[in-house]
């Protein structure tokens, strides 16, 4: 029975890993997307022991002196972390596209609140606002959206939006003391885990108009990882079947 529970925890861990990998692969072509990775540790949490004691009757209550066998045996998901390393910058030639080289995120105003992204595939909406269509506008340092009024505009490396040789605003690029304070909300965008966290103005960056930052997912690396996870899952599955077969034989012998 012990081996069965350990194998099941390992199989569940591999399922979580493959979900993360599959999501990364699905976003290979999403500009500004940052890949995730799973962090596991080998532990026996109290809630796991309690759960197993409930489902297995007196297995643990009658064998408290054997619970040490399980210590550092179960696989437990600690967290799903995000890799914020930069993706490759790709030339698009589109004047509304913009990429960040270095640290920082664009600030986007949405109906759901403030969002942060490295995706610079902007468009100009019907109001002349730079953003991601209606209702999602990029903020400038003035605290309002950039409005180029349908005119041709240039974005300098420090983020100045220039129309007819006049700076109309500067794109807001921010960073955080700890990027783990950010949580993914879809569309290659992040929100703050805690509203009390404060953004700060980024310093070590430059903007490039006519470029976008590609996803930082390496497809070959992810495929290799998926194969590794699949093989590990098969090994755990075999261990579960073996344990189940042994249990069945023991029961048959006991009833004979």
Protein backbone atom coordinates (compact mmCIF):
# COMPACT_ATOMS: atom_id res chain seq x y z
CA UNK A 1 0.00 0.00 0.00
CA UNK A 2 2.81 2.38 0.83
CA UNK A 3 4.38 2.07 -2.60
CA UNK A 4 0.99 2.62 -4.25
CA UNK A 5 0.45 6.03 -2.59
CA UNK A 6 4.00 7.14 -3.40
CA UNK A 7 3.59 6.13 -7.06
CA UNK A 8 0.23 7.90 -7.29
CA UNK A 9 1.74 11.16 -5.97
CA UNK A 10 4.50 10.89 -8.56
CA UNK A 11 2.02 10.27 -11.39
CA UNK A 12 -0.08 13.27 -10.35
CA UNK A 13 3.07 15.42 -10.30
CA UNK A 14 3.90 14.37 -13.87
CA UNK A 15 0.34 15.27 -14.97
CA UNK A 16 0.80 18.78 -13.58
CA UNK A 17 4.16 19.10 -15.33
CA UNK A 18 2.73 18.10 -18.70
CA UNK A 19 -0.13 20.61 -18.31
CA UNK A 20 2.45 23.39 -17.86
CA UNK A 21 4.52 22.20 -20.82
CA UNK A 22 1.44 21.95 -23.05
CA UNK A 23 0.46 25.52 -22.17
CA UNK A 24 3.96 26.73 -23.00
CA UNK A 25 3.87 25.01 -26.39
CA UNK A 26 0.43 26.48 -27.09
CA UNK A 27 1.89 29.97 -26.63
CA UNK A 28 5.03 29.63 -28.73
CA UNK A 29 3.73 32.30 -31.12
CA UNK A 30 2.24 34.61 -28.49
CA UNK A 31 4.33 37.82 -28.43
CA UNK A 32 5.68 38.66 -24.99
CA UNK A 33 4.62 35.32 -23.49
CA UNK A 34 6.78 34.06 -20.61
CA UNK A 35 7.03 30.32 -20.11
CA UNK A 36 6.17 28.59 -16.85
CA UNK A 37 7.86 25.75 -15.03
CA UNK A 38 6.76 23.53 -12.15
CA UNK A 39 8.59 23.38 -8.84
CA UNK A 40 8.17 20.18 -6.82
CA UNK A 41 9.61 18.91 -3.58
CA UNK A 42 9.64 15.54 -1.87
CA UNK A 43 7.63 15.89 1.32
CA UNK A 44 4.82 14.43 3.37
CA UNK A 45 2.51 17.29 4.29
CA UNK A 46 0.23 16.90 7.30
CA UNK A 47 -2.88 17.25 5.14
CA UNK A 48 -1.62 14.45 2.90
CA UNK A 49 -1.08 12.15 5.88
CA UNK A 50 -4.54 13.01 7.21
CA UNK A 51 -6.12 12.39 3.80
CA UNK A 52 -4.38 9.07 3.36
CA UNK A 53 -5.30 8.01 6.90
CA UNK A 54 -8.95 8.70 6.09
CA UNK A 55 -8.94 6.85 2.78
CA UNK A 56 -6.92 3.88 4.02
CA UNK A 57 -8.70 3.26 7.31
CA UNK A 58 -6.33 2.22 10.08
CA UNK A 59 -3.28 1.87 7.85
CA UNK A 60 -1.50 4.72 9.60
CA UNK A 61 -3.23 4.67 12.98
CA UNK A 62 -2.10 1.09 13.50
CA UNK A 63 1.37 1.66 12.14
CA UNK A 64 2.40 5.06 13.45
CA UNK A 65 5.91 3.77 13.90
CA UNK A 66 6.11 3.24 10.13
CA UNK A 67 5.08 6.73 9.01
CA UNK A 68 8.76 7.66 8.84
CA UNK A 69 8.90 5.51 5.74
CA UNK A 70 6.86 8.14 3.92
CA UNK A 71 8.92 11.13 5.01
CA UNK A 72 10.45 12.84 1.96
CA UNK A 73 8.72 10.27 -0.23
CA UNK A 74 5.63 11.99 -1.59
CA UNK A 75 5.97 14.43 -4.48
CA UNK A 76 4.22 17.72 -3.77
CA UNK A 77 3.72 20.73 -6.07
CA UNK A 78 5.35 23.76 -4.48
CA UNK A 79 4.48 26.31 -7.13
CA UNK A 80 4.31 27.11 -10.82
CA UNK A 81 6.91 29.78 -11.51
CA UNK A 82 7.37 32.06 -14.49
CA UNK A 83 10.61 32.42 -16.42
CA UNK A 84 10.96 36.15 -17.15
CA UNK A 85 13.98 35.82 -19.41
CA UNK A 86 13.61 37.90 -22.61
CA UNK A 87 12.45 36.46 -25.89
CA UNK A 88 14.06 37.18 -29.24
CA UNK A 89 13.18 40.54 -30.83
CA UNK A 90 11.58 40.13 -34.24
CA UNK A 91 11.43 42.80 -36.92
CA UNK A 92 7.88 43.55 -38.10
CA UNK A 93 8.27 46.98 -39.66
CA UNK A 94 4.89 47.93 -38.19
CA UNK A 95 5.06 51.44 -36.72
CA UNK A 96 2.62 50.56 -33.94
CA UNK A 97 4.73 47.60 -32.76
CA UNK A 98 7.22 48.17 -29.98
CA UNK A 99 9.50 45.92 -27.95
CA UNK A 100 11.37 46.37 -24.69
CA UNK A 101 15.06 45.53 -24.55
CA UNK A 102 16.08 45.11 -20.92
CA UNK A 103 13.89 45.24 -17.85
CA UNK A 104 10.34 46.42 -17.51
CA UNK A 105 6.75 46.04 -18.67
CA UNK A 106 4.29 48.18 -20.58
CA UNK A 107 1.35 49.34 -18.48
CA UNK A 108 -2.08 48.63 -19.92
CA UNK A 109 -5.36 50.09 -18.71
CA UNK A 110 -8.26 47.64 -19.00
CA UNK A 111 -11.79 47.32 -17.69
CA UNK A 112 -10.47 44.66 -15.28
CA UNK A 113 -7.79 46.98 -13.92
CA UNK A 114 -4.14 47.69 -14.60
CA UNK A 115 -2.19 45.03 -16.43
CA UNK A 116 1.51 44.63 -17.27
CA UNK A 117 2.89 43.06 -20.44
CA UNK A 118 5.91 42.65 -22.68
CA UNK A 119 3.64 42.24 -25.69
CA UNK A 120 4.14 45.29 -27.88
CA UNK A 121 1.85 44.33 -30.78
CA UNK A 122 -0.16 47.52 -30.42
CA UNK A 123 -2.89 48.90 -32.64
CA UNK A 124 -4.56 52.32 -32.87
CA UNK A 125 -8.25 52.17 -32.00
CA UNK A 126 -11.10 54.30 -33.31
CA UNK A 127 -10.28 56.97 -30.72
CA UNK A 128 -6.68 57.17 -31.87
CA UNK A 129 -5.46 55.46 -28.73
CA UNK A 130 -2.47 53.13 -28.78
CA UNK A 131 -3.20 49.73 -27.25
CA UNK A 132 -4.90 46.43 -27.98
CA UNK A 133 -8.15 47.53 -29.55
CA UNK A 134 -11.12 49.08 -27.80
CA UNK A 135 -10.91 49.20 -24.02
CA UNK A 136 -7.23 48.24 -23.65
CA UNK A 137 -4.93 51.24 -23.90
CA UNK A 138 -1.24 51.70 -23.18
CA UNK A 139 -0.45 54.24 -20.50
CA UNK A 140 2.05 57.04 -20.70
CA UNK A 141 3.88 58.78 -17.87
CA UNK A 142 1.15 61.41 -17.79
CA UNK A 143 -1.21 58.71 -16.56
CA UNK A 144 -3.39 58.79 -19.67
CA UNK A 145 -3.36 56.76 -22.86
CA UNK A 146 -1.17 57.78 -25.76
CA UNK A 147 -3.34 59.46 -28.40
CA UNK A 148 -1.51 59.98 -31.72
CA UNK A 149 -4.65 61.50 -33.35
CA UNK A 150 -4.25 59.27 -36.40
CA UNK A 151 -0.98 60.98 -37.31
CA UNK A 152 2.30 59.30 -38.08
CA UNK A 153 4.31 58.93 -34.92
CA UNK A 154 7.69 57.67 -33.79
CA UNK A 155 8.69 56.01 -30.54
CA UNK A 156 12.20 56.76 -29.33
CA UNK A 157 14.37 54.38 -27.34
CA UNK A 158 13.44 56.06 -24.07
CA UNK A 159 9.73 55.78 -24.91
CA UNK A 160 8.95 59.29 -26.15
CA UNK A 161 6.04 59.36 -28.58
CA UNK A 162 6.87 61.97 -31.19
CA UNK A 163 4.40 63.55 -33.61
CA UNK A 164 5.59 66.27 -35.99
CA UNK A 165 8.84 66.63 -34.01
CA UNK A 166 6.90 67.22 -30.79
CA UNK A 167 6.91 64.82 -27.82
CA UNK A 168 3.26 64.19 -26.91
CA UNK A 169 3.97 61.76 -24.08
CA UNK A 170 6.35 59.02 -22.96
CA UNK A 171 5.35 55.38 -22.76
CA UNK A 172 5.28 54.16 -19.17
CA UNK A 173 7.67 51.25 -18.55
CA UNK A 174 7.74 49.88 -15.01
CA UNK A 175 9.36 47.11 -13.02
CA UNK A 176 9.04 45.55 -9.58
CA UNK A 177 11.28 44.63 -6.67
CA UNK A 178 10.14 41.02 -7.02
CA UNK A 179 8.60 39.84 -10.28
CA UNK A 180 7.08 36.91 -8.41
CA UNK A 181 4.56 39.49 -7.18
CA UNK A 182 3.03 39.24 -10.66
CA UNK A 183 0.40 36.68 -11.60
CA UNK A 184 -0.60 35.67 -15.13
CA UNK A 185 -4.07 36.71 -16.26
CA UNK A 186 -3.97 35.69 -19.94
CA UNK A 187 -3.10 37.56 -23.16
CA UNK A 188 0.58 37.55 -22.08
CA UNK A 189 -0.46 39.99 -19.35
CA UNK A 190 0.18 40.08 -15.63
CA UNK A 191 -1.64 41.56 -12.66
CA UNK A 192 -0.41 42.19 -9.12
CA UNK A 193 -0.98 39.46 -6.55
CA UNK A 194 -1.43 42.14 -3.91
CA UNK A 195 -2.84 45.62 -4.67
CA UNK A 196 -0.52 47.07 -2.02
CA UNK A 197 2.54 46.25 -4.13
CA UNK A 198 3.99 49.33 -5.79
CA UNK A 199 5.47 49.48 -9.27
CA UNK A 200 8.58 51.54 -9.92
CA UNK A 201 9.89 53.23 -13.02
CA UNK A 202 12.20 51.00 -15.03
CA UNK A 203 15.66 52.32 -15.80
CA UNK A 204 17.72 49.75 -17.66
CA UNK A 205 15.75 49.46 -20.87
CA UNK A 206 15.38 50.78 -24.40
CA UNK A 207 12.38 50.59 -26.73
CA UNK A 208 12.49 49.55 -30.37
CA UNK A 209 9.72 50.62 -32.72
CA UNK A 210 8.87 48.16 -35.49
CA UNK A 211 9.92 45.16 -33.36
CA UNK A 212 8.06 42.71 -31.14
CA UNK A 213 9.40 40.38 -28.49
CA UNK A 214 8.68 36.77 -29.26
CA UNK A 215 7.76 34.18 -26.66
CA UNK A 216 10.73 32.87 -24.66
CA UNK A 217 9.53 29.28 -25.12
CA UNK A 218 12.14 27.00 -26.70
CA UNK A 219 10.07 24.39 -28.59
CA UNK A 220 12.81 21.73 -28.77
CA UNK A 221 13.53 22.06 -25.06
CA UNK A 222 9.83 21.78 -24.24
CA UNK A 223 9.38 18.73 -26.48
CA UNK A 224 12.35 17.00 -24.83
CA UNK A 225 10.84 17.83 -21.44
CA UNK A 226 7.49 16.43 -22.54
CA UNK A 227 9.09 13.13 -23.60
CA UNK A 228 10.90 12.92 -20.26
CA UNK A 229 7.68 13.56 -18.35
CA UNK A 230 5.79 10.98 -20.44
CA UNK A 231 8.38 8.32 -19.67
CA UNK A 232 8.34 9.19 -15.97
CA UNK A 233 4.54 8.94 -15.95
CA UNK A 234 4.73 5.51 -17.61
CA UNK A 235 7.17 4.36 -14.91
CA UNK A 236 4.83 5.51 -12.14
CA UNK A 237 1.89 3.90 -13.93
CA UNK A 238 3.77 0.60 -14.07
CA UNK A 239 4.58 0.88 -10.35
CA UNK A 240 0.88 1.46 -9.58
CA UNK A 241 -0.17 -1.60 -11.60
CA UNK A 242 2.52 -3.73 -9.94
CA UNK A 243 1.46 -2.62 -6.46
CA UNK A 244 -2.18 -3.24 -7.30
CA UNK A 245 -1.40 -6.73 -8.61
CA UNK A 246 0.57 -7.57 -5.46
CA UNK A 247 -2.27 -6.36 -3.26
CA UNK A 248 -4.73 -8.47 -5.24
CA UNK A 249 -2.58 -11.61 -4.83
CA UNK A 250 -2.19 -11.01 -1.09
CA UNK A 251 -5.95 -10.67 -0.70
CA UNK A 252 -6.53 -13.85 -2.71
CA UNK A 253 -4.02 -15.76 -0.58
CA UNK A 254 -5.57 -14.46 2.62
CA UNK A 255 -9.03 -15.55 1.53
CA UNK A 256 -7.87 -18.97 0.31
